Amino acid sequence: MNRLVLQAQLVERRGLRYTPAGLPALDFSLRHASEQVEAGHPRKVAVELRAVAIGEITRSLLPVEIGAERGFAGFVAAARNGRGVVFHITEVA
């Protein structure tokens, strides 16, 4: 299963674009920071991820202000250039 659920802050959003198939697409960056328990010990974690929303979900992301925190769910896939991963957003809470 490939499913990621993350509470994160919107730190960057690029302009709305359209895929070759004509679907709206929105590229952005998310930042997450929290304390997790690993092997019985607390650990501070932080990550910044590249993300993309394609299709109708872009409507719910356009009005979100930079710095706002939301719950995001979706899947991860290899970036088109082969460097790293991109979080594909399918749900926003």
PDB file of N, CA and C in Angstrom:
ATOM      1  N   MET A   1       0.849  -1.185   0.000  1.00  0.00           N
ATOM      2  CA  MET A   1       0.000   0.000   0.000  1.00  0.00           C
ATOM      3  C   MET A   1       0.888   1.240   0.000  1.00  0.00           C
ATOM      4  N   ASN A   2       0.497   2.220  -0.748  1.00  0.00           N
ATOM      5  CA  ASN A   2       1.225   3.488  -0.845  1.00  0.00           C
ATOM      6  C   ASN A   2       0.250   4.589  -0.419  1.00  0.00           C
ATOM      7  N   ARG A   3       0.262   4.938   0.861  1.00  0.00           N
ATOM      8  CA  ARG A   3      -0.634   5.970   1.383  1.00  0.00           C
ATOM      9  C   ARG A   3       0.121   6.758   2.438  1.00  0.00           C
ATOM     10  N   LEU A   4       0.077   8.079   2.311  1.00  0.00           N
ATOM     11  CA  LEU A   4       0.725   8.962   3.262  1.00  0.00           C
ATOM     12  C   LEU A   4      -0.317   9.933   3.804  1.00  0.00           C
ATOM     13  N   VAL A   5      -0.365  10.066   5.125  1.00  0.00           N
ATOM     14  CA  VAL A   5      -1.232  11.037   5.792  1.00  0.00           C
ATOM     15  C   VAL A   5      -0.312  11.906   6.631  1.00  0.00           C
ATOM     16  N   LEU A   6      -0.424  13.229   6.471  1.00  0.00           N
ATOM     17  CA  LEU A   6       0.527  14.130   7.111  1.00  0.00           C
ATOM     18  C   LEU A   6      -0.137  15.444   7.489  1.00  0.00           C
ATOM     19  N   GLN A   7       0.084  15.877   8.711  1.00  0.00           N
ATOM     20  CA  GLN A   7      -0.312  17.221   9.140  1.00  0.00           C
ATOM     21  C   GLN A   7       0.880  18.106   8.813  1.00  0.00           C
ATOM     22  N   ALA A   8       0.673  19.125   7.978  1.00  0.00           N
ATOM     23  CA  ALA A   8       1.806  19.914   7.514  1.00  0.00           C
ATOM     24  C   ALA A   8       1.402  21.353   7.237  1.00  0.00           C
ATOM     25  N   GLN A   9       2.421  22.183   7.124  1.00  0.00           N
ATOM     26  CA  GLN A   9       2.252  23.609   6.856  1.00  0.00           C
ATOM     27  C   GLN A   9       2.581  23.872   5.380  1.00  0.00           C
ATOM     28  N   LEU A  10       1.741  24.653   4.720  1.00  0.00           N
ATOM     29  CA  LEU A  10       1.989  25.056   3.335  1.00  0.00           C
ATOM     30  C   LEU A  10       3.064  26.141   3.352  1.00  0.00           C
ATOM     31  N   VAL A  11       4.214  25.873   2.733  1.00  0.00           N
ATOM     32  CA  VAL A  11       5.313  26.846   2.776  1.00  0.00           C
ATOM     33  C   VAL A  11       5.586  27.513   1.433  1.00  0.00           C
ATOM     34  N   GLU A  12       5.127  26.905   0.347  1.00  0.00           N
ATOM     35  CA  GLU A  12       5.331  27.516  -0.976  1.00  0.00           C
ATOM     36  C   GLU A  12       4.255  26.969  -1.913  1.00  0.00           C
ATOM     37  N   ARG A  13       3.755  27.830  -2.783  1.00  0.00           N
ATOM     38  CA  ARG A  13       2.781  27.386  -3.783  1.00  0.00           C
ATOM     39  C   ARG A  13       3.109  28.090  -5.097  1.00  0.00           C
ATOM     40  N   ARG A  14       3.196  27.315  -6.138  1.00  0.00           N
ATOM     41  CA  ARG A  14       3.416  27.899  -7.470  1.00  0.00           C
ATOM     42  C   ARG A  14       2.067  28.188  -8.103  1.00  0.00           C
ATOM     43  N   GLY A  15       2.079  28.846  -9.231  1.00  0.00           N
ATOM     44  CA  GLY A  15       0.844  29.183  -9.921  1.00  0.00           C
ATOM     45  C   GLY A  15       0.138  27.955 -10.492  1.00  0.00           C
ATOM     46  N   LEU A  16      -1.139  28.090 -10.691  1.00  0.00           N
ATOM     47  CA  LEU A  16      -1.939  27.025 -11.278  1.00  0.00           C
ATOM     48  C   LEU A  16      -1.474  26.772 -12.711  1.00  0.00           C
ATOM     49  N   ARG A  17      -1.304  25.510 -13.045  1.00  0.00           N
ATOM     50  CA  ARG A  17      -0.917  25.131 -14.406  1.00  0.00           C
ATOM     51  C   ARG A  17      -1.878  24.038 -14.862  1.00  0.00           C
ATOM     52  N   TYR A  18      -1.727  23.609 -16.098  1.00  0.00           N
ATOM     53  CA  TYR A  18      -2.583  22.554 -16.642  1.00  0.00           C
ATOM     54  C   TYR A  18      -1.728  21.452 -17.234  1.00  0.00           C
ATOM     55  N   THR A  19      -2.120  20.214 -17.001  1.00  0.00           N
ATOM     56  CA  THR A  19      -1.410  19.067 -17.553  1.00  0.00           C
ATOM     57  C   THR A  19      -1.684  18.987 -19.053  1.00  0.00           C
ATOM     58  N   PRO A  20      -0.915  18.182 -19.793  1.00  0.00           N
ATOM     59  CA  PRO A  20      -1.208  18.007 -21.218  1.00  0.00           C
ATOM     60  C   PRO A  20      -2.635  17.482 -21.471  1.00  0.00           C
ATOM     61  N   ALA A  21      -3.200  16.792 -20.479  1.00  0.00           N
ATOM     62  CA  ALA A  21      -4.575  16.288 -20.606  1.00  0.00           C
ATOM     63  C   ALA A  21      -5.614  17.357 -20.265  1.00  0.00           C
ATOM     64  N   GLY A  22      -5.142  18.563 -19.881  1.00  0.00           N
ATOM     65  CA  GLY A  22      -6.053  19.656 -19.579  1.00  0.00           C
ATOM     66  C   GLY A  22      -6.531  19.717 -18.140  1.00  0.00           C
ATOM     67  N   LEU A  23      -5.957  18.911 -17.257  1.00  0.00           N
ATOM     68  CA  LEU A  23      -6.345  18.930 -15.844  1.00  0.00           C
ATOM     69  C   LEU A  23      -5.588  20.030 -15.100  1.00  0.00           C
ATOM     70  N   PRO A  24      -6.254  20.728 -14.166  1.00  0.00           N
ATOM     71  CA  PRO A  24      -5.544  21.724 -13.362  1.00  0.00           C
ATOM     72  C   PRO A  24      -4.539  21.028 -12.442  1.00  0.00           C
ATOM     73  N   ALA A  25      -3.387  21.641 -12.256  1.00  0.00           N
ATOM     74  CA  ALA A  25      -2.342  21.082 -11.391  1.00  0.00           C
ATOM     75  C   ALA A  25      -1.717  22.204 -10.581  1.00  0.00           C
ATOM     76  N   LEU A  26      -1.385  21.891  -9.346  1.00  0.00           N
ATOM     77  CA  LEU A  26      -0.813  22.875  -8.434  1.00  0.00           C
ATOM     78  C   LEU A  26       0.393  22.245  -7.737  1.00  0.00           C
ATOM     79  N   ASP A  27       1.566  22.852  -7.906  1.00  0.00           N
ATOM     80  CA  ASP A  27       2.791  22.384  -7.265  1.00  0.00           C
ATOM     81  C   ASP A  27       3.035  23.221  -6.023  1.00  0.00           C
ATOM     82  N   PHE A  28       3.433  22.574  -4.936  1.00  0.00           N
ATOM     83  CA  PHE A  28       3.703  23.310  -3.707  1.00  0.00           C
ATOM     84  C   PHE A  28       4.652  22.539  -2.819  1.00  0.00           C
ATOM     85  N   SER A  29       5.064  23.153  -1.717  1.00  0.00           N
ATOM     86  CA  SER A  29       5.944  22.531  -0.732  1.00  0.00           C
ATOM     87  C   SER A  29       5.244  22.526   0.616  1.00  0.00           C
ATOM     88  N   LEU A  30       5.448  21.431   1.345  1.00  0.00           N
ATOM     89  CA  LEU A  30       4.877  21.264   2.679  1.00  0.00           C
ATOM     90  C   LEU A  30       5.994  21.048   3.685  1.00  0.00           C
ATOM     91  N   ARG A  31       5.782  21.541   4.910  1.00  0.00           N
ATOM     92  CA  ARG A  31       6.742  21.330   5.993  1.00  0.00           C
ATOM     93  C   ARG A  31       6.014  20.698   7.178  1.00  0.00           C
ATOM     94  N   HIS A  32       6.622  19.654   7.725  1.00  0.00           N
ATOM     95  CA  HIS A  32       6.078  18.992   8.909  1.00  0.00           C
ATOM     96  C   HIS A  32       7.156  18.962   9.981  1.00  0.00           C
ATOM     97  N   ALA A  33       6.759  19.241  11.229  1.00  0.00           N
ATOM     98  CA  ALA A  33       7.664  19.124  12.371  1.00  0.00           C
ATOM     99  C   ALA A  33       6.856  18.589  13.544  1.00  0.00           C
ATOM    100  N   SER A  34       7.416  17.601  14.236  1.00  0.00           N
ATOM    101  CA  SER A  34       6.724  17.019  15.386  1.00  0.00           C
ATOM    102  C   SER A  34       7.715  16.232  16.236  1.00  0.00           C
ATOM    103  N   GLU A  35       7.195  15.685  17.325  1.00  0.00           N
ATOM    104  CA  GLU A  35       7.987  14.784  18.146  1.00  0.00           C
ATOM    105  C   GLU A  35       7.330  13.412  18.072  1.00  0.00           C
ATOM    106  N   GLN A  36       8.125  12.414  17.731  1.00  0.00           N
ATOM    107  CA  GLN A  36       7.648  11.039  17.602  1.00  0.00           C
ATOM    108  C   GLN A  36       8.405  10.146  18.571  1.00  0.00           C
ATOM    109  N   VAL A  37       7.851   9.000  18.847  1.00  0.00           N
ATOM    110  CA  VAL A  37       8.533   8.031  19.700  1.00  0.00           C
ATOM    111  C   VAL A  37       9.087   6.932  18.800  1.00  0.00           C
ATOM    112  N   GLU A  38      10.394   6.701  18.934  1.00  0.00           N
ATOM    113  CA  GLU A  38      11.062   5.663  18.157  1.00  0.00           C
ATOM    114  C   GLU A  38      11.902   4.820  19.101  1.00  0.00           C
ATOM    115  N   ALA A  39      11.701   3.518  19.090  1.00  0.00           N
ATOM    116  CA  ALA A  39      12.421   2.595  19.973  1.00  0.00           C
ATOM    117  C   ALA A  39      12.280   3.018  21.432  1.00  0.00           C
ATOM    118  N   GLY A  40      11.098   3.544  21.769  1.00  0.00           N
ATOM    119  CA  GLY A  40      10.818   3.930  23.143  1.00  0.00           C
ATOM    120  C   GLY A  40      11.378   5.276  23.574  1.00  0.00           C
ATOM    121  N   HIS A  41      11.955   6.017  22.650  1.00  0.00           N
ATOM    122  CA  HIS A  41      12.555   7.313  22.977  1.00  0.00           C
ATOM    123  C   HIS A  41      11.950   8.415  22.108  1.00  0.00           C
ATOM    124  N   PRO A  42      11.746   9.600  22.701  1.00  0.00           N
ATOM    125  CA  PRO A  42      11.211  10.714  21.907  1.00  0.00           C
ATOM    126  C   PRO A  42      12.252  11.217  20.910  1.00  0.00           C
ATOM    127  N   ARG A  43      11.770  11.612  19.772  1.00  0.00           N
ATOM    128  CA  ARG A  43      12.660  12.105  18.718  1.00  0.00           C
ATOM    129  C   ARG A  43      11.967  13.238  17.987  1.00  0.00           C
ATOM    130  N   LYS A  44      12.656  14.363  17.816  1.00  0.00           N
ATOM    131  CA  LYS A  44      12.118  15.471  17.030  1.00  0.00           C
ATOM    132  C   LYS A  44      12.388  15.182  15.564  1.00  0.00           C
ATOM    133  N   VAL A  45      11.344  15.335  14.762  1.00  0.00           N
ATOM    134  CA  VAL A  45      11.490  15.098  13.323  1.00  0.00           C
ATOM    135  C   VAL A  45      10.974  16.304  12.556  1.00  0.00           C
ATOM    136  N   ALA A  46      11.568  16.536  11.406  1.00  0.00           N
ATOM    137  CA  ALA A  46      11.126  17.617  10.526  1.00  0.00           C
ATOM    138  C   ALA A  46      11.432  17.199   9.098  1.00  0.00           C
ATOM    139  N   VAL A  47      10.530  17.560   8.201  1.00  0.00           N
ATOM    140  CA  VAL A  47      10.726  17.230   6.798  1.00  0.00           C
ATOM    141  C   VAL A  47      10.031  18.277   5.940  1.00  0.00           C
ATOM    142  N   GLU A  48      10.608  18.562   4.791  1.00  0.00           N
ATOM    143  CA  GLU A  48       9.956  19.409   3.796  1.00  0.00           C
ATOM    144  C   GLU A  48       9.802  18.564   2.546  1.00  0.00           C
ATOM    145  N   LEU A  49       8.589  18.534   2.011  1.00  0.00           N
ATOM    146  CA  LEU A  49       8.268  17.689   0.865  1.00  0.00           C
ATOM    147  C   LEU A  49       7.743  18.502  -0.306  1.00  0.00           C
ATOM    148  N   ARG A  50       8.125  18.093  -1.503  1.00  0.00           N
ATOM    149  CA  ARG A  50       7.485  18.634  -2.692  1.00  0.00           C
ATOM    150  C   ARG A  50       6.149  17.907  -2.837  1.00  0.00           C
ATOM    151  N   ALA A  51       5.135  18.631  -3.252  1.00  0.00           N
ATOM    152  CA  ALA A  51       3.804  18.038  -3.393  1.00  0.00           C
ATOM    153  C   ALA A  51       3.130  18.572  -4.647  1.00  0.00           C
ATOM    154  N   VAL A  52       2.140  17.816  -5.114  1.00  0.00           N
ATOM    155  CA  VAL A  52       1.359  18.224  -6.267  1.00  0.00           C
ATOM    156  C   VAL A  52      -0.086  17.788  -6.050  1.00  0.00           C
ATOM    157  N   ALA A  53      -0.994  18.615  -6.523  1.00  0.00           N
ATOM    158  CA  ALA A  53      -2.417  18.284  -6.528  1.00  0.00           C
ATOM    159  C   ALA A  53      -2.874  18.400  -7.973  1.00  0.00           C
ATOM    160  N   ILE A  54      -3.605  17.405  -8.442  1.00  0.00           N
ATOM    161  CA  ILE A  54      -4.075  17.395  -9.834  1.00  0.00           C
ATOM    162  C   ILE A  54      -5.574  17.158  -9.844  1.00  0.00           C
ATOM    163  N   GLY A  55      -6.278  17.951 -10.628  1.00  0.00           N
ATOM    164  CA  GLY A  55      -7.720  17.783 -10.766  1.00  0.00           C
ATOM    165  C   GLY A  55      -8.502  18.685  -9.829  1.00  0.00           C
ATOM    166  N   GLU A  56      -9.687  18.231  -9.454  1.00  0.00           N
ATOM    167  CA  GLU A  56     -10.605  19.033  -8.644  1.00  0.00           C
ATOM    168  C   GLU A  56     -10.034  19.436  -7.284  1.00  0.00           C
ATOM    169  N   ILE A  57      -9.123  18.644  -6.728  1.00  0.00           N
ATOM    170  CA  ILE A  57      -8.550  18.936  -5.414  1.00  0.00           C
ATOM    171  C   ILE A  57      -7.837  20.293  -5.409  1.00  0.00           C
ATOM    172  N   THR A  58      -7.419  20.781  -6.578  1.00  0.00           N
ATOM    173  CA  THR A  58      -6.733  22.070  -6.634  1.00  0.00           C
ATOM    174  C   THR A  58      -7.638  23.197  -6.137  1.00  0.00           C
ATOM    175  N   ARG A  59      -8.951  23.072  -6.334  1.00  0.00           N
ATOM    176  CA  ARG A  59      -9.883  24.110  -5.867  1.00  0.00           C
ATOM    177  C   ARG A  59      -9.803  24.324  -4.362  1.00  0.00           C
ATOM    178  N   SER A  60      -9.629  23.241  -3.605  1.00  0.00           N
ATOM    179  CA  SER A  60      -9.575  23.384  -2.151  1.00  0.00           C
ATOM    180  C   SER A  60      -8.216  23.873  -1.671  1.00  0.00           C
ATOM    181  N   LEU A  61      -7.200  23.820  -2.520  1.00  0.00           N
ATOM    182  CA  LEU A  61      -5.865  24.273  -2.116  1.00  0.00           C
ATOM    183  C   LEU A  61      -5.548  25.702  -2.532  1.00  0.00           C
ATOM    184  N   LEU A  62      -6.188  26.208  -3.560  1.00  0.00           N
ATOM    185  CA  LEU A  62      -5.911  27.582  -4.013  1.00  0.00           C
ATOM    186  C   LEU A  62      -6.135  28.631  -2.927  1.00  0.00           C
ATOM    187  N   PRO A  63      -7.207  28.552  -2.120  1.00  0.00           N
ATOM    188  CA  PRO A  63      -7.416  29.586  -1.111  1.00  0.00           C
ATOM    189  C   PRO A  63      -6.594  29.413   0.179  1.00  0.00           C
ATOM    190  N   VAL A  64      -5.881  28.304   0.339  1.00  0.00           N
ATOM    191  CA  VAL A  64      -5.094  28.077   1.560  1.00  0.00           C
ATOM    192  C   VAL A  64      -3.915  29.039   1.570  1.00  0.00           C
ATOM    193  N   GLU A  65      -3.783  29.781   2.659  1.00  0.00           N
ATOM    194  CA  GLU A  65      -2.710  30.773   2.770  1.00  0.00           C
ATOM    195  C   GLU A  65      -1.374  30.121   3.091  1.00  0.00           C
ATOM    196  N   ILE A  66      -0.309  30.741   2.623  1.00  0.00           N
ATOM    197  CA  ILE A  66       1.035  30.290   2.965  1.00  0.00           C
ATOM    198  C   ILE A  66       1.175  30.372   4.484  1.00  0.00           C
ATOM    199  N   GLY A  67       1.708  29.329   5.080  1.00  0.00           N
ATOM    200  CA  GLY A  67       1.860  29.261   6.528  1.00  0.00           C
ATOM    201  C   GLY A  67       0.738  28.511   7.221  1.00  0.00           C
ATOM    202  N   ALA A  68      -0.363  28.277   6.516  1.00  0.00           N
ATOM    203  CA  ALA A  68      -1.495  27.559   7.108  1.00  0.00           C
ATOM    204  C   ALA A  68      -1.170  26.075   7.235  1.00  0.00           C
ATOM    205  N   GLU A  69      -1.693  25.468   8.294  1.00  0.00           N
ATOM    206  CA  GLU A  69      -1.491  24.039   8.521  1.00  0.00           C
ATOM    207  C   GLU A  69      -2.777  23.290   8.212  1.00  0.00           C
ATOM    208  N   ARG A  70      -2.639  22.175   7.516  1.00  0.00           N
ATOM    209  CA  ARG A  70      -3.773  21.338   7.137  1.00  0.00           C
ATOM    210  C   ARG A  70      -3.368  19.878   7.232  1.00  0.00           C
ATOM    211  N   GLY A  71      -4.359  19.015   7.167  1.00  0.00           N
ATOM    212  CA  GLY A  71      -4.108  17.583   7.058  1.00  0.00           C
ATOM    213  C   GLY A  71      -4.137  17.212   5.578  1.00  0.00           C
ATOM    214  N   PHE A  72      -3.136  16.491   5.119  1.00  0.00           N
ATOM    215  CA  PHE A  72      -3.032  16.083   3.718  1.00  0.00           C
ATOM    216  C   PHE A  72      -2.946  14.571   3.650  1.00  0.00           C
ATOM    217  N   ALA A  73      -3.568  13.989   2.637  1.00  0.00           N
ATOM    218  CA  ALA A  73      -3.477  12.548   2.410  1.00  0.00           C
ATOM    219  C   ALA A  73      -3.280  12.316   0.924  1.00  0.00           C
ATOM    220  N   GLY A  74      -2.597  11.233   0.599  1.00  0.00           N
ATOM    221  CA  GLY A  74      -2.355  10.900  -0.789  1.00  0.00           C
ATOM    222  C   GLY A  74      -1.337   9.786  -0.901  1.00  0.00           C
ATOM    223  N   PHE A  75      -0.508   9.840  -1.929  1.00  0.00           N
ATOM    224  CA  PHE A  75       0.497   8.810  -2.173  1.00  0.00           C
ATOM    225  C   PHE A  75       1.792   9.468  -2.627  1.00  0.00           C
ATOM    226  N   VAL A  76       2.885   8.725  -2.561  1.00  0.00           N
ATOM    227  CA  VAL A  76       4.175   9.239  -3.017  1.00  0.00           C
ATOM    228  C   VAL A  76       4.572   8.533  -4.309  1.00  0.00           C
ATOM    229  N   ALA A  77       5.240   9.276  -5.172  1.00  0.00           N
ATOM    230  CA  ALA A  77       5.724   8.742  -6.445  1.00  0.00           C
ATOM    231  C   ALA A  77       7.059   9.401  -6.759  1.00  0.00           C
ATOM    232  N   ALA A  78       7.825   8.762  -7.621  1.00  0.00           N
ATOM    233  CA  ALA A  78       9.100   9.327  -8.037  1.00  0.00           C
ATOM    234  C   ALA A  78       8.855  10.632  -8.790  1.00  0.00           C
ATOM    235  N   ALA A  79       9.736  11.582  -8.579  1.00  0.00           N
ATOM    236  CA  ALA A  79       9.672  12.836  -9.325  1.00  0.00           C
ATOM    237  C   ALA A  79       9.951  12.549 -10.796  1.00  0.00           C
ATOM    238  N   ARG A  80       9.418  13.384 -11.656  1.00  0.00           N
ATOM    239  CA  ARG A  80       9.598  13.159 -13.103  1.00  0.00           C
ATOM    240  C   ARG A  80      11.063  13.158 -13.515  1.00  0.00           C
ATOM    241  N   ASN A  81      11.876  13.940 -12.829  1.00  0.00           N
ATOM    242  CA  ASN A  81      13.306  13.988 -13.174  1.00  0.00           C
ATOM    243  C   ASN A  81      14.094  12.865 -12.503  1.00  0.00           C
ATOM    244  N   GLY A  82      13.402  12.017 -11.729  1.00  0.00           N
ATOM    245  CA  GLY A  82      14.054  10.887 -11.083  1.00  0.00           C
ATOM    246  C   GLY A  82      14.758  11.229  -9.786  1.00  0.00           C
ATOM    247  N   ARG A  83      14.675  12.485  -9.352  1.00  0.00           N
ATOM    248  CA  ARG A  83      15.344  12.902  -8.114  1.00  0.00           C
ATOM    249  C   ARG A  83      14.325  13.067  -7.001  1.00  0.00           C
ATOM    250  N   GLY A  84      14.333  12.174  -6.054  1.00  0.00           N
ATOM    251  CA  GLY A  84      13.454  12.276  -4.906  1.00  0.00           C
ATOM    252  C   GLY A  84      12.036  11.807  -5.194  1.00  0.00           C
ATOM    253  N   VAL A  85      11.142  12.173  -4.269  1.00  0.00           N
ATOM    254  CA  VAL A  85       9.748  11.779  -4.381  1.00  0.00           C
ATOM    255  C   VAL A  85       8.853  13.009  -4.337  1.00  0.00           C
ATOM    256  N   VAL A  86       7.640  12.845  -4.821  1.00  0.00           N
ATOM    257  CA  VAL A  86       6.625  13.902  -4.774  1.00  0.00           C
ATOM    258  C   VAL A  86       5.395  13.319  -4.107  1.00  0.00           C
ATOM    259  N   PHE A  87       4.844  14.063  -3.162  1.00  0.00           N
ATOM    260  CA  PHE A  87       3.620  13.697  -2.450  1.00  0.00           C
ATOM    261  C   PHE A  87       2.448  14.148  -3.299  1.00  0.00           C
ATOM    262  N   HIS A  88       1.687  13.206  -3.839  1.00  0.00           N
ATOM    263  CA  HIS A  88       0.509  13.508  -4.648  1.00  0.00           C
ATOM    264  C   HIS A  88      -0.706  13.596  -3.734  1.00  0.00           C
ATOM    265  N   ILE A  89      -1.245  14.790  -3.581  1.00  0.00           N
ATOM    266  CA  ILE A  89      -2.346  15.036  -2.654  1.00  0.00           C
ATOM    267  C   ILE A  89      -3.671  14.615  -3.290  1.00  0.00           C
ATOM    268  N   THR A  90      -4.424  13.797  -2.553  1.00  0.00           N
ATOM    269  CA  THR A  90      -5.754  13.390  -3.013  1.00  0.00           C
ATOM    270  C   THR A  90      -6.852  13.852  -2.062  1.00  0.00           C
ATOM    271  N   GLU A  91      -6.465  14.246  -0.828  1.00  0.00           N
ATOM    272  CA  GLU A  91      -7.442  14.730   0.167  1.00  0.00           C
ATOM    273  C   GLU A  91      -6.817  15.828   1.012  1.00  0.00           C
ATOM    274  N   VAL A  92      -7.636  16.796   1.409  1.00  0.00           N
ATOM    275  CA  VAL A  92      -7.203  17.876   2.305  1.00  0.00           C
ATOM    276  C   VAL A  92      -8.251  18.026   3.385  1.00  0.00           C
ATOM    277  N   ALA A  93      -7.785  18.139   4.628  1.00  0.00           N
ATOM    278  CA  ALA A  93      -8.723  18.335   5.740  1.00  0.00           C
ATOM    279  C   ALA A  93      -8.375  19.599   6.483  1.00  0.00           C
TER     280      ALA A  93
END
